[in-house]
Amino acid sequence: MTQTSLPAPRTGRRPRPQWLAPAGLIALSLVPMAAGAFRLTELASGAAVTPENARFFDSPVPVVVHIVGSVVFLLLGALQFAPALRSRRWHRYAGRILVPAGVLSALSGMWMAVAYDLPEPSGTALLVMRLGFGTAMAAGIVVAFLAIRRGDVRTHSAWMTRAYAIGLGAGTQVFTFLPWTLVFGPPSEPVHAVLMGAGWVINLAVAEVVIRRRVGRGIRRAPVARVAAIDERDDVRSAAASAHLS
């Protein structure tokens, strides 16, 4: 029987808190969720109609669908980053709610971009970006859903991460707008589009880093798994040879 020593687990590094990432993502979502709650309250209470909110009162369905779908998608999506929940049935059951919520969020966002008379400084560039990122978000969720149906966990995880990054764009856009507004005042139409786009681009860049780290961890685990498989095969051969000789 052959024995191959496996790498000893590292004990010097402290384990990363499992709830740090979900808590951070939820915190990043608080501002857009608070704005959405305010808008729903405004519609439900029959607040005074102003030029800024007239479009929501004239056509409330898309904004209500967008707010509800986005809140569900952002909250459940953040919890999907908790390792303790990914290994349980909760991950699968939550995904059945998260997927349609995310698709509704993306489609309703594109609906509003086209159907609403958006106020300044929104312009054509921002409209194109909203349609492009909305399409990418919906497509990413569909690709992820089809991937998990055929058992491709890696593709599923990667595309859901990208879709979530796009859906979380409103949270990051708070931080792209705030410094500019404090220093230079309200942005012009071109700057407004750039700052909006920066929120989505930053999130997607971070998502790609997360995806590559997952792949890297999988590659590092593979040699250990192959060594274990070789050991098991050698053990079986040794046992068979001993039985033959006896």
Protein backbone atom coordinates (compact mmCIF):
# COMPACT_ATOMS: atom_id res chain seq x y z
CA MET A 1 0.00 0.00 0.00
CA THR A 2 1.41 3.37 -0.98
CA GLN A 3 0.93 6.49 1.03
CA THR A 4 1.23 9.98 -0.34
CA SER A 5 1.37 12.88 2.07
CA LEU A 6 -1.18 15.57 1.38
CA PRO A 7 -0.51 19.25 2.02
CA ALA A 8 -1.29 20.13 5.60
CA PRO A 9 -4.06 22.67 6.02
CA ARG A 10 -2.96 26.18 6.89
CA THR A 11 -3.76 27.13 10.42
CA GLY A 12 -2.00 30.48 10.71
CA ARG A 13 -4.59 32.42 8.66
CA ARG A 14 -7.82 33.34 10.33
CA PRO A 15 -10.95 32.17 8.53
CA ARG A 16 -12.80 34.95 6.73
CA PRO A 17 -16.15 35.85 8.35
CA GLN A 18 -18.85 34.19 6.27
CA TRP A 19 -21.34 37.02 6.62
CA LEU A 20 -18.99 39.87 5.77
CA ALA A 21 -19.75 39.86 2.03
CA PRO A 22 -23.55 39.56 2.37
CA ALA A 23 -23.63 42.32 4.99
CA GLY A 24 -21.55 44.61 2.78
CA LEU A 25 -23.76 43.98 -0.25
CA ILE A 26 -26.93 44.66 1.74
CA ALA A 27 -25.39 47.85 3.13
CA LEU A 28 -24.56 48.96 -0.43
CA SER A 29 -28.20 48.33 -1.38
CA LEU A 30 -29.70 50.39 1.44
CA VAL A 31 -29.78 53.74 -0.38
CA PRO A 32 -31.59 52.51 -3.53
CA MET A 33 -33.92 50.37 -1.41
CA ALA A 34 -34.74 53.38 0.78
CA ALA A 35 -35.43 55.45 -2.34
CA GLY A 36 -37.68 52.70 -3.65
CA ALA A 37 -39.57 52.49 -0.35
CA PHE A 38 -40.09 56.25 -0.43
CA ARG A 39 -41.44 56.03 -3.98
CA LEU A 40 -43.88 53.24 -3.08
CA THR A 41 -45.06 55.19 -0.04
CA GLU A 42 -45.55 58.25 -2.22
CA LEU A 43 -47.69 56.31 -4.68
CA ALA A 44 -49.71 54.51 -2.01
CA SER A 45 -50.44 57.65 0.01
CA GLY A 46 -51.53 59.72 -2.95
CA ALA A 47 -48.89 62.41 -2.54
CA ALA A 48 -49.02 65.62 -4.50
CA VAL A 49 -48.16 65.22 -8.17
CA THR A 50 -45.10 67.21 -9.22
CA PRO A 51 -43.11 67.40 -12.46
CA GLU A 52 -40.54 65.10 -10.85
CA ASN A 53 -42.99 62.28 -9.98
CA ALA A 54 -45.77 62.76 -12.53
CA ARG A 55 -44.51 59.92 -14.71
CA PHE A 56 -44.83 57.46 -11.82
CA PHE A 57 -48.44 58.45 -11.12
CA ASP A 58 -49.31 58.33 -14.82
CA SER A 59 -47.87 54.82 -15.18
CA PRO A 60 -47.18 53.20 -11.78
CA VAL A 61 -46.92 49.54 -12.87
CA PRO A 62 -43.33 49.53 -14.21
CA VAL A 63 -41.90 51.44 -11.24
CA VAL A 64 -43.70 49.21 -8.71
CA VAL A 65 -42.51 46.06 -10.49
CA HIS A 66 -38.98 47.45 -10.69
CA ILE A 67 -38.79 48.38 -7.02
CA VAL A 68 -40.24 45.12 -5.71
CA GLY A 69 -38.21 42.98 -8.11
CA SER A 70 -34.99 44.86 -7.35
CA VAL A 71 -35.39 44.68 -3.56
CA VAL A 72 -36.05 40.93 -3.64
CA PHE A 73 -33.17 40.35 -6.07
CA LEU A 74 -30.69 42.44 -4.08
CA LEU A 75 -31.55 40.97 -0.68
CA LEU A 76 -31.73 37.32 -1.69
CA GLY A 77 -28.76 37.77 -4.02
CA ALA A 78 -26.63 39.13 -1.19
CA LEU A 79 -27.47 36.13 1.01
CA GLN A 80 -26.42 33.78 -1.80
CA PHE A 81 -22.83 34.91 -1.14
CA ALA A 82 -22.93 33.34 2.33
CA PRO A 83 -21.09 29.95 2.16
CA ALA A 84 -23.23 28.57 4.99
CA LEU A 85 -26.36 29.01 2.88
CA ARG A 86 -24.91 27.83 -0.43
CA SER A 87 -24.50 24.31 0.97
CA ARG A 88 -28.14 24.01 2.00
CA ARG A 89 -31.51 23.65 0.31
CA TRP A 90 -32.14 27.32 1.04
CA HIS A 91 -29.85 28.29 -1.82
CA ARG A 92 -31.96 26.40 -4.34
CA TYR A 93 -35.30 27.54 -2.97
CA ALA A 94 -34.20 31.18 -2.76
CA GLY A 95 -32.95 30.95 -6.34
CA ARG A 96 -36.43 30.09 -7.54
CA ILE A 97 -37.59 33.46 -6.22
CA LEU A 98 -34.42 35.38 -7.07
CA VAL A 99 -34.35 34.46 -10.77
CA PRO A 100 -37.81 35.81 -11.74
CA ALA A 101 -37.32 38.83 -9.47
CA GLY A 102 -34.07 39.69 -11.23
CA VAL A 103 -35.58 39.29 -14.69
CA LEU A 104 -38.54 41.50 -13.72
CA SER A 105 -36.14 44.10 -12.31
CA ALA A 106 -34.14 44.21 -15.54
CA LEU A 107 -37.12 44.24 -17.91
CA SER A 108 -39.04 46.86 -15.93
CA GLY A 109 -35.93 49.05 -15.82
CA MET A 110 -35.72 48.94 -19.60
CA TRP A 111 -39.47 49.54 -19.82
CA MET A 112 -39.14 52.73 -17.77
CA ALA A 113 -36.12 53.88 -19.80
CA VAL A 114 -38.15 53.68 -23.01
CA ALA A 115 -41.69 54.54 -21.87
CA TYR A 116 -41.05 57.30 -19.33
CA ASP A 117 -40.26 60.87 -20.24
CA LEU A 118 -37.08 60.98 -18.18
CA PRO A 119 -36.05 64.33 -16.72
CA GLU A 120 -32.76 66.08 -17.36
CA PRO A 121 -29.88 65.40 -17.30
CA SER A 122 -30.84 61.98 -18.74
CA GLY A 123 -30.01 61.71 -22.42
CA THR A 124 -29.50 59.34 -25.31
CA ALA A 125 -26.19 57.96 -24.00
CA LEU A 126 -27.74 57.02 -20.68
CA LEU A 127 -30.74 55.48 -22.43
CA VAL A 128 -28.44 53.27 -24.48
CA MET A 129 -26.52 52.23 -21.36
CA ARG A 130 -29.70 51.41 -19.46
CA LEU A 131 -30.95 49.24 -22.30
CA GLY A 132 -27.55 47.59 -22.73
CA PHE A 133 -26.93 46.80 -19.08
CA GLY A 134 -30.56 45.78 -18.57
CA THR A 135 -30.32 43.34 -21.46
CA ALA A 136 -27.01 42.01 -20.12
CA MET A 137 -28.53 41.51 -16.66
CA ALA A 138 -31.58 39.63 -17.95
CA ALA A 139 -29.45 37.55 -20.34
CA GLY A 140 -26.97 36.72 -17.57
CA ILE A 141 -29.76 35.41 -15.34
CA VAL A 142 -31.16 33.28 -18.16
CA VAL A 143 -27.72 31.86 -19.00
CA ALA A 144 -27.13 31.09 -15.31
CA PHE A 145 -30.53 29.38 -15.02
CA LEU A 146 -29.92 27.20 -18.09
CA ALA A 147 -26.42 26.36 -16.82
CA ILE A 148 -27.64 25.08 -13.44
CA ARG A 149 -30.37 23.07 -15.16
CA ARG A 150 -27.66 21.07 -16.91
CA GLY A 151 -25.49 20.87 -13.78
CA ASP A 152 -22.86 23.44 -14.80
CA VAL A 153 -22.28 25.08 -11.41
CA ARG A 154 -19.25 27.14 -12.46
CA THR A 155 -21.05 28.86 -15.36
CA HIS A 156 -24.14 29.36 -13.22
CA SER A 157 -22.16 31.01 -10.44
CA ALA A 158 -20.21 33.27 -12.81
CA TRP A 159 -23.22 34.63 -14.68
CA MET A 160 -25.36 35.12 -11.59
CA THR A 161 -22.48 37.10 -10.08
CA ARG A 162 -22.32 39.31 -13.17
CA ALA A 163 -26.09 39.82 -13.20
CA TYR A 164 -26.07 40.72 -9.52
CA ALA A 165 -23.26 43.22 -10.10
CA ILE A 166 -25.38 45.00 -12.70
CA GLY A 167 -28.45 44.95 -10.46
CA LEU A 168 -26.40 46.51 -7.66
CA GLY A 169 -25.33 49.38 -9.90
CA ALA A 170 -27.65 51.88 -8.21
CA GLY A 171 -25.83 51.34 -4.91
CA THR A 172 -22.40 52.02 -6.37
CA GLN A 173 -23.69 55.00 -8.36
CA VAL A 174 -24.33 56.76 -5.06
CA PHE A 175 -20.57 56.78 -4.50
CA THR A 176 -19.72 57.82 -8.06
CA PHE A 177 -22.12 60.77 -7.90
CA LEU A 178 -21.49 61.96 -4.35
CA PRO A 179 -17.87 63.19 -4.69
CA TRP A 180 -18.57 64.90 -8.01
CA THR A 181 -21.69 66.63 -6.71
CA LEU A 182 -19.97 67.81 -3.54
CA VAL A 183 -17.01 69.27 -5.43
CA PHE A 184 -18.49 70.44 -8.76
CA GLY A 185 -22.23 70.54 -8.20
CA PRO A 186 -24.92 68.81 -10.29
CA PRO A 187 -23.33 67.07 -13.31
CA SER A 188 -24.07 67.93 -16.91
CA GLU A 189 -25.73 65.40 -19.21
CA PRO A 190 -22.47 63.83 -20.49
CA VAL A 191 -20.93 63.68 -17.00
CA HIS A 192 -24.18 62.27 -15.62
CA ALA A 193 -24.00 59.42 -18.14
CA VAL A 194 -20.34 58.75 -17.33
CA LEU A 195 -20.98 58.63 -13.58
CA MET A 196 -23.94 56.28 -14.08
CA GLY A 197 -21.91 54.03 -16.34
CA ALA A 198 -19.02 54.04 -13.88
CA GLY A 199 -21.22 52.42 -11.24
CA TRP A 200 -22.02 49.47 -13.49
CA VAL A 201 -18.45 49.14 -14.79
CA ILE A 202 -16.94 49.16 -11.29
CA ASN A 203 -19.34 46.45 -10.13
CA LEU A 204 -18.63 44.27 -13.15
CA ALA A 205 -14.88 44.67 -12.64
CA VAL A 206 -15.21 43.53 -9.02
CA ALA A 207 -17.44 40.65 -10.16
CA GLU A 208 -14.76 39.43 -12.58
CA VAL A 209 -12.18 39.48 -9.78
CA VAL A 210 -14.50 37.39 -7.60
CA ILE A 211 -15.15 34.94 -10.44
CA ARG A 212 -11.44 34.52 -11.19
CA ARG A 213 -10.67 33.88 -7.53
CA ARG A 214 -13.30 31.16 -7.44
CA VAL A 215 -11.76 29.54 -10.50
CA GLY A 216 -8.29 29.83 -8.96
CA ARG A 217 -9.43 28.12 -5.77
CA GLY A 218 -10.92 25.32 -7.85
CA ILE A 219 -7.64 24.84 -9.76
CA ARG A 220 -5.63 24.71 -6.52
CA ARG A 221 -7.96 22.08 -5.09
CA ALA A 222 -7.76 19.89 -8.19
CA PRO A 223 -4.20 18.50 -7.61
CA VAL A 224 -5.13 17.50 -4.06
CA ALA A 225 -8.20 15.70 -5.34
CA ARG A 226 -6.13 13.89 -7.98
CA VAL A 227 -3.58 12.79 -5.36
CA ALA A 228 -6.38 11.39 -3.22
CA ALA A 229 -7.78 9.53 -6.21
CA ILE A 230 -4.35 8.04 -6.99
CA ASP A 231 -3.96 6.95 -3.38
CA GLU A 232 -7.33 5.25 -3.44
CA ARG A 233 -6.51 3.49 -6.71
CA ASP A 234 -3.14 2.30 -5.37
CA ASP A 235 -4.80 1.02 -2.21
CA VAL A 236 -7.25 -1.03 -4.25
CA ARG A 237 -4.45 -2.49 -6.40
CA SER A 238 -2.37 -3.35 -3.33
CA ALA A 239 -5.29 -5.07 -1.67
CA ALA A 240 -6.01 -7.05 -4.84
CA ALA A 241 -2.35 -8.11 -5.13
CA SER A 242 -2.26 -9.24 -1.48
CA ALA A 243 -5.40 -11.29 -1.96
CA HIS A 244 -3.94 -12.91 -5.08
CA LEU A 245 -0.69 -13.83 -3.36
CA SER A 246 -2.47 -15.29 -0.38
